[in-house]
Amino acid sequence: MRAPGLALALLPGIGARLLLAWVGAGRYLSWRPEVSTAANSNLELREGLALYGMGVSPYSGTSCRVPPLALWLYSALYGGDERDDDTMSYVLLNAVFDALAALLLYRLAARLLAAAPQLGPGPEPSSPLVLLDDATPNVGQWWYLSMEAFDDAKAYVRILAHSLLLALAPPLAMRLGRRTPLALFVIQLLALALLKPYPSIADLGLATSLLPLLLLAAQPPAPAAAGTGAPAEAEAVAAPADPRVGGSGGSAAPLLLPASLALLCVLGPAMAHMWLSYESANSNFYYSATLLYGGWHVVLLVQLLAATLRADRAARGKAEA
């Protein structure tokens, strides 16, 4: 990506963060189950920084599950001082950190290895992601099962949660890996946003932000000179893939996905508010909203996979089935 294009991609994200901080949305969003999970909780980050500043291992108990790399970075930047979430410097620091995290990953990992003895054992912060022992509500599909399942059945829930992702990866890689690696990457990100133990809406945002790249990659090449190729074949290759499941027939509504997502954006917070704030509902109400959110994910995955396969067949000159 060129430098102007990279700047245009980063500036909207930084501007959105500044706008949310300006209107004071940080205090509200930090407690939302759609945003804050057991893997990225701001409260756990504060507790981990406090324990690390006192010379105690942050992972000695169950109060901190922040990855060691992020914990070391925040402790190095803030020097153990108390942070103020309402200051614009905090927002700018997080925006810059998110935008440049990929560029700094190698050096930060090398310095983490040097500071590893001070952070204690490594597997502990990742144990909730494997054992599913935290039943904090989120937009995923496994927190309710891990909370309601009997002790004898929790091992089965863990195996099921991790085996689904493992089962999806090989067939997708064999079918899409060589010809459409970008589509494979986006589809795997969507599958992770659906099936990982503690997802948030940020996982869906990462996957959907890459969809315009698929459109750019699917653009047909420049037309050849007149008389050098069959017009019918050129039109077949240049024709855009129908993004609807089912191809012909026109039964799928093009506004189904955005309209249903808008409905879920209202239904999910309403169910969570009724359950956690007013106690006029129970966990079944909110979990029904997360199940609908998971079904929306499945529909999006099927449509994207079907469109990718149709475009691949058209590129190879094969007729659609």
Protein backbone atom coordinates (compact mmCIF):
# COMPACT_ATOMS: atom_id res chain seq x y z
CA MET A 1 0.00 0.00 0.00
CA ARG A 2 1.32 3.43 -0.90
CA ALA A 3 1.97 6.04 1.76
CA PRO A 4 -1.05 8.26 0.86
CA GLY A 5 -3.31 5.21 0.83
CA LEU A 6 -1.98 4.08 4.20
CA ALA A 7 -2.61 7.53 5.66
CA LEU A 8 -6.16 7.54 4.31
CA ALA A 9 -6.74 4.13 5.89
CA LEU A 10 -5.36 5.15 9.31
CA LEU A 11 -6.85 8.63 9.65
CA PRO A 12 -10.52 7.53 9.91
CA GLY A 13 -9.67 5.14 12.73
CA ILE A 14 -7.73 7.78 14.64
CA GLY A 15 -10.50 10.31 14.04
CA ALA A 16 -13.14 7.89 15.34
CA ARG A 17 -11.13 7.33 18.52
CA LEU A 18 -10.73 11.07 19.08
CA LEU A 19 -14.44 11.62 18.54
CA LEU A 20 -15.40 8.90 21.03
CA ALA A 21 -13.00 10.36 23.58
CA TRP A 22 -14.30 13.88 22.98
CA VAL A 23 -17.90 12.88 23.74
CA GLY A 24 -16.83 10.89 26.81
CA ALA A 25 -17.82 7.46 25.52
CA GLY A 26 -14.84 5.71 27.12
CA ARG A 27 -16.45 5.14 30.49
CA TYR A 28 -19.55 3.67 28.89
CA LEU A 29 -17.87 1.48 26.27
CA SER A 30 -15.31 0.01 28.68
CA TRP A 31 -18.07 -1.94 30.44
CA ARG A 32 -20.01 -3.07 27.37
CA PRO A 33 -19.93 -6.86 26.80
CA GLU A 34 -19.74 -6.24 23.05
CA VAL A 35 -16.40 -4.44 23.47
CA SER A 36 -14.82 -5.57 26.74
CA THR A 37 -14.07 -9.27 27.14
CA ALA A 38 -11.90 -11.38 29.42
CA ALA A 39 -9.06 -11.03 26.92
CA ASN A 40 -9.03 -7.22 26.57
CA SER A 41 -10.65 -5.83 29.73
CA ASN A 42 -9.44 -2.37 30.75
CA LEU A 43 -10.03 -3.22 34.42
CA GLU A 44 -7.77 -6.26 34.18
CA LEU A 45 -5.10 -4.12 32.52
CA ARG A 46 -5.20 -1.68 35.44
CA GLU A 47 -4.95 -4.47 37.99
CA GLY A 48 -2.07 -6.04 36.10
CA LEU A 49 -0.19 -2.73 35.96
CA ALA A 50 -0.72 -2.20 39.69
CA LEU A 51 0.58 -5.68 40.54
CA TYR A 52 3.51 -5.29 38.18
CA GLY A 53 4.39 -1.93 39.73
CA MET A 54 4.40 -3.49 43.22
CA GLY A 55 6.77 -6.23 42.11
CA VAL A 56 4.12 -8.98 42.23
CA SER A 57 3.52 -11.33 39.32
CA PRO A 58 0.35 -10.12 37.54
CA TYR A 59 -0.53 -13.70 36.69
CA SER A 60 -0.32 -15.17 40.18
CA GLY A 61 -4.13 -15.11 40.45
CA THR A 62 -7.04 -14.73 38.05
CA SER A 63 -7.34 -10.94 38.05
CA CYS A 64 -5.13 -10.30 35.00
CA ARG A 65 -5.28 -12.04 31.63
CA VAL A 66 -3.67 -9.31 29.55
CA PRO A 67 -0.98 -10.64 27.18
CA PRO A 68 2.55 -10.09 28.54
CA LEU A 69 3.57 -8.03 25.50
CA ALA A 70 0.78 -5.48 26.02
CA LEU A 71 1.33 -5.41 29.78
CA TRP A 72 5.05 -4.78 29.40
CA LEU A 73 4.45 -2.06 26.80
CA TYR A 74 1.94 -0.15 28.92
CA SER A 75 4.10 -0.45 32.03
CA ALA A 76 7.12 0.87 30.10
CA LEU A 77 5.19 3.79 28.63
CA TYR A 78 3.42 4.88 31.79
CA GLY A 79 6.16 4.06 34.25
CA GLY A 80 3.71 2.77 36.85
CA ASP A 81 1.92 6.12 37.18
CA GLU A 82 -1.85 6.22 37.50
CA ARG A 83 -3.53 6.71 34.14
CA ASP A 84 -6.39 9.00 33.36
CA ASP A 85 -8.75 7.54 30.78
CA ASP A 86 -10.32 10.91 30.05
CA THR A 87 -7.19 12.68 28.83
CA MET A 88 -6.60 13.17 25.15
CA SER A 89 -3.00 11.98 25.53
CA TYR A 90 -4.25 8.55 26.51
CA VAL A 91 -6.48 8.42 23.44
CA LEU A 92 -3.71 9.56 21.12
CA LEU A 93 -1.31 7.02 22.60
CA ASN A 94 -3.75 4.17 22.02
CA ALA A 95 -4.53 5.35 18.50
CA VAL A 96 -0.86 5.49 17.56
CA PHE A 97 -0.22 2.15 19.24
CA ASP A 98 -3.03 0.45 17.31
CA ALA A 99 -1.97 1.97 14.00
CA LEU A 100 1.71 1.05 14.29
CA ALA A 101 1.49 -2.24 16.23
CA ALA A 102 2.29 -4.34 13.17
CA LEU A 103 5.42 -2.29 12.40
CA LEU A 104 6.75 -2.54 15.98
CA LEU A 105 5.95 -6.20 16.63
CA TYR A 106 9.42 -7.58 15.89
CA ARG A 107 11.33 -5.20 18.18
CA LEU A 108 8.77 -5.46 20.96
CA ALA A 109 8.91 -9.25 20.86
CA ALA A 110 12.70 -9.17 21.11
CA ARG A 111 12.59 -6.86 24.12
CA LEU A 112 9.87 -8.99 25.68
CA LEU A 113 12.18 -12.00 25.62
CA ALA A 114 14.74 -9.99 27.55
CA ALA A 115 12.14 -8.98 30.16
CA ALA A 116 10.44 -12.39 30.33
CA PRO A 117 11.89 -13.43 33.74
CA GLN A 118 10.26 -10.39 35.35
CA LEU A 119 6.82 -11.27 34.01
CA GLY A 120 6.56 -14.75 35.48
CA PRO A 121 5.40 -17.90 33.70
CA GLY A 122 4.05 -17.45 30.19
CA PRO A 123 1.10 -19.84 29.75
CA GLU A 124 -1.02 -18.33 32.54
CA PRO A 125 -2.45 -15.30 30.66
CA SER A 126 -3.49 -17.58 27.81
CA SER A 127 -5.13 -20.23 29.97
CA PRO A 128 -8.64 -18.67 29.85
CA LEU A 129 -8.51 -18.78 26.06
CA VAL A 130 -7.93 -22.53 26.25
CA LEU A 131 -9.87 -23.57 29.34
CA LEU A 132 -12.88 -21.23 28.89
CA ASP A 133 -12.97 -20.72 32.66
CA ASP A 134 -14.21 -17.12 32.47
CA ALA A 135 -17.97 -16.81 31.91
CA THR A 136 -18.01 -13.04 31.37
CA PRO A 137 -20.77 -12.22 28.84
CA ASN A 138 -19.56 -11.34 25.36
CA VAL A 139 -20.74 -11.62 21.77
CA GLY A 140 -19.29 -15.12 21.39
CA GLN A 141 -21.02 -18.47 21.43
CA TRP A 142 -19.18 -20.27 24.24
CA TRP A 143 -19.50 -18.19 27.42
CA TYR A 144 -23.08 -19.36 28.06
CA LEU A 145 -22.23 -23.02 27.49
CA SER A 146 -19.19 -22.85 29.77
CA MET A 147 -21.36 -21.21 32.44
CA GLU A 148 -24.32 -23.59 32.24
CA ALA A 149 -22.53 -26.85 31.48
CA PHE A 150 -21.93 -29.38 34.23
CA ASP A 151 -18.37 -29.99 35.35
CA ASP A 152 -18.30 -33.33 33.55
CA ALA A 153 -19.35 -31.69 30.27
CA LYS A 154 -17.00 -28.69 30.33
CA ALA A 155 -14.18 -30.68 28.77
CA TYR A 156 -16.49 -31.52 25.85
CA VAL A 157 -17.35 -27.83 25.43
CA ARG A 158 -13.64 -26.96 25.31
CA ILE A 159 -12.93 -29.63 22.71
CA LEU A 160 -15.89 -28.50 20.61
CA ALA A 161 -14.90 -24.83 20.80
CA HIS A 162 -11.37 -25.42 19.57
CA SER A 163 -12.02 -28.27 17.13
CA LEU A 164 -14.43 -26.28 14.96
CA LEU A 165 -11.75 -23.77 13.98
CA LEU A 166 -9.27 -26.59 13.42
CA ALA A 167 -11.75 -28.43 11.21
CA LEU A 168 -12.45 -25.37 9.06
CA ALA A 169 -8.84 -24.46 8.31
CA PRO A 170 -7.58 -27.44 6.18
CA PRO A 171 -10.40 -27.62 3.58
CA LEU A 172 -10.46 -23.85 3.15
CA ALA A 173 -6.68 -23.74 2.75
CA MET A 174 -6.68 -26.56 0.19
CA ARG A 175 -9.44 -24.96 -1.89
CA LEU A 176 -8.57 -21.26 -1.64
CA GLY A 177 -4.96 -21.08 -0.49
CA ARG A 178 -3.21 -21.17 -3.85
CA ARG A 179 -5.62 -19.19 -6.03
CA THR A 180 -7.28 -16.71 -3.67
CA PRO A 181 -5.13 -16.31 -0.54
CA LEU A 182 -6.63 -12.92 0.33
CA ALA A 183 -10.15 -14.36 0.34
CA LEU A 184 -8.90 -17.24 2.50
CA PHE A 185 -7.44 -14.75 4.98
CA VAL A 186 -10.68 -12.76 5.24
CA ILE A 187 -12.83 -15.89 5.58
CA GLN A 188 -10.58 -17.23 8.33
CA LEU A 189 -10.82 -13.89 10.15
CA LEU A 190 -14.61 -14.08 9.98
CA ALA A 191 -14.50 -17.65 11.29
CA LEU A 192 -12.28 -16.51 14.17
CA ALA A 193 -14.68 -13.67 14.97
CA LEU A 194 -17.47 -16.24 15.19
CA LEU A 195 -15.83 -19.21 16.95
CA LYS A 196 -12.99 -17.85 19.10
CA PRO A 197 -13.54 -18.11 22.89
CA TYR A 198 -13.77 -14.39 23.73
CA PRO A 199 -14.61 -12.34 20.62
CA SER A 200 -15.66 -8.71 20.42
CA ILE A 201 -17.05 -6.50 17.70
CA ALA A 202 -13.47 -5.44 16.94
CA ASP A 203 -12.87 -8.89 15.40
CA LEU A 204 -15.76 -8.37 13.01
CA GLY A 205 -14.51 -4.87 12.23
CA LEU A 206 -11.07 -6.21 11.32
CA ALA A 207 -12.52 -8.78 8.92
CA THR A 208 -15.02 -6.46 7.26
CA SER A 209 -12.42 -3.71 6.85
CA LEU A 210 -10.57 -6.03 4.46
CA LEU A 211 -13.59 -6.65 2.22
CA PRO A 212 -12.76 -3.63 -0.03
CA LEU A 213 -9.40 -5.28 -0.73
CA LEU A 214 -11.28 -8.29 -2.11
CA LEU A 215 -13.20 -6.00 -4.45
CA LEU A 216 -9.96 -4.45 -5.66
CA ALA A 217 -8.37 -7.87 -6.15
CA ALA A 218 -11.44 -9.11 -8.07
CA GLN A 219 -11.34 -6.28 -10.58
CA PRO A 220 -10.81 -7.65 -14.09
CA PRO A 221 -7.58 -6.82 -15.92
CA ALA A 222 -7.45 -4.22 -18.64
CA PRO A 223 -9.27 -5.37 -21.80
CA ALA A 224 -7.08 -6.77 -24.53
CA ALA A 225 -6.75 -5.20 -27.94
CA ALA A 226 -9.60 -5.70 -30.38
CA GLY A 227 -9.53 -9.00 -32.23
CA THR A 228 -7.14 -10.74 -29.85
CA GLY A 229 -9.61 -12.76 -27.85
CA ALA A 230 -13.10 -14.16 -27.78
CA PRO A 231 -15.59 -11.52 -26.61
CA ALA A 232 -17.73 -14.07 -24.81
CA GLU A 233 -14.83 -15.31 -22.70
CA ALA A 234 -13.73 -11.76 -21.88
CA GLU A 235 -17.21 -10.87 -20.72
CA ALA A 236 -17.39 -14.02 -18.60
CA VAL A 237 -14.16 -13.18 -16.83
CA ALA A 238 -14.97 -9.49 -16.44
CA ALA A 239 -18.47 -10.09 -15.09
CA PRO A 240 -18.55 -9.44 -11.35
CA ALA A 241 -19.48 -12.34 -9.14
CA ASP A 242 -23.00 -12.30 -7.78
CA PRO A 243 -22.59 -11.70 -4.04
CA ARG A 244 -25.85 -13.45 -3.21
CA VAL A 245 -26.11 -17.03 -2.06
CA GLY A 246 -27.93 -19.11 -4.59
CA GLY A 247 -26.59 -17.22 -7.61
CA SER A 248 -29.54 -17.05 -9.96
CA GLY A 249 -33.09 -16.65 -8.93
CA GLY A 250 -32.86 -13.25 -7.24
CA SER A 251 -34.47 -14.51 -4.03
CA ALA A 252 -31.83 -13.12 -1.69
CA ALA A 253 -32.43 -9.56 -0.59
CA PRO A 254 -29.31 -7.39 -0.96
CA LEU A 255 -30.20 -5.43 2.19
CA LEU A 256 -30.67 -8.50 4.39
CA LEU A 257 -27.21 -8.42 5.97
CA PRO A 258 -26.95 -4.67 6.72
CA ALA A 259 -30.56 -4.47 7.96
CA SER A 260 -30.19 -7.50 10.22
CA LEU A 261 -26.88 -6.17 11.58
CA ALA A 262 -28.55 -2.85 12.39
CA LEU A 263 -31.29 -4.75 14.22
CA LEU A 264 -28.71 -6.74 16.20
CA CYS A 265 -26.89 -3.52 17.14
CA VAL A 266 -30.08 -2.47 18.92
CA LEU A 267 -31.26 -5.86 20.18
CA GLY A 268 -27.97 -6.95 21.77
CA PRO A 269 -27.37 -3.88 23.98
CA ALA A 270 -31.07 -3.82 24.92
CA MET A 271 -30.99 -7.43 26.12
CA ALA A 272 -27.74 -6.85 28.01
CA HIS A 273 -29.16 -3.73 29.67
CA MET A 274 -32.33 -5.55 30.72
CA TRP A 275 -30.28 -8.37 32.20
CA LEU A 276 -27.34 -6.60 33.85
CA SER A 277 -28.86 -3.23 34.79
CA TYR A 278 -32.58 -3.66 35.41
CA GLU A 279 -32.56 -7.42 36.17
CA SER A 280 -35.85 -7.74 34.31
CA ALA A 281 -34.41 -10.50 32.12
CA ASN A 282 -31.90 -13.31 32.47
CA SER A 283 -28.89 -14.57 30.57
CA ASN A 284 -31.10 -16.43 28.08
CA PHE A 285 -32.29 -13.13 26.62
CA TYR A 286 -28.79 -11.88 25.89
CA TYR A 287 -27.58 -15.27 24.69
CA SER A 288 -30.44 -15.38 22.19
CA ALA A 289 -29.09 -12.13 20.75
CA THR A 290 -25.58 -13.60 20.53
CA LEU A 291 -27.01 -16.67 18.77
CA LEU A 292 -28.65 -14.40 16.21
CA TYR A 293 -25.33 -12.58 15.85
CA GLY A 294 -23.65 -15.93 15.23
CA GLY A 295 -26.27 -16.81 12.61
CA TRP A 296 -25.58 -13.48 10.91
CA HIS A 297 -21.90 -14.43 10.84
CA VAL A 298 -22.72 -17.76 9.23
CA VAL A 299 -24.80 -16.11 6.49
CA LEU A 300 -21.99 -13.65 5.77
CA LEU A 301 -19.44 -16.47 5.63
CA VAL A 302 -21.57 -18.53 3.24
CA GLN A 303 -22.20 -15.58 0.93
CA LEU A 304 -18.54 -14.57 0.86
CA LEU A 305 -17.39 -18.14 0.26
CA ALA A 306 -19.96 -18.68 -2.50
CA ALA A 307 -19.01 -15.42 -4.22
CA THR A 308 -15.32 -16.33 -4.00
CA LEU A 309 -15.89 -19.76 -5.55
CA ARG A 310 -18.02 -18.31 -8.36
CA ALA A 311 -15.39 -15.70 -9.14
CA ASP A 312 -12.69 -18.39 -9.14
CA ARG A 313 -14.67 -20.58 -11.54
CA ALA A 314 -15.34 -17.62 -13.81
CA ALA A 315 -11.64 -16.74 -13.83
CA ARG A 316 -10.81 -20.28 -14.91
CA GLY A 317 -13.40 -20.14 -17.68
CA LYS A 318 -15.79 -22.66 -16.15
CA ALA A 319 -19.53 -22.25 -16.15
CA GLU A 320 -21.31 -21.97 -12.84
CA ALA A 321 -23.00 -25.08 -11.61
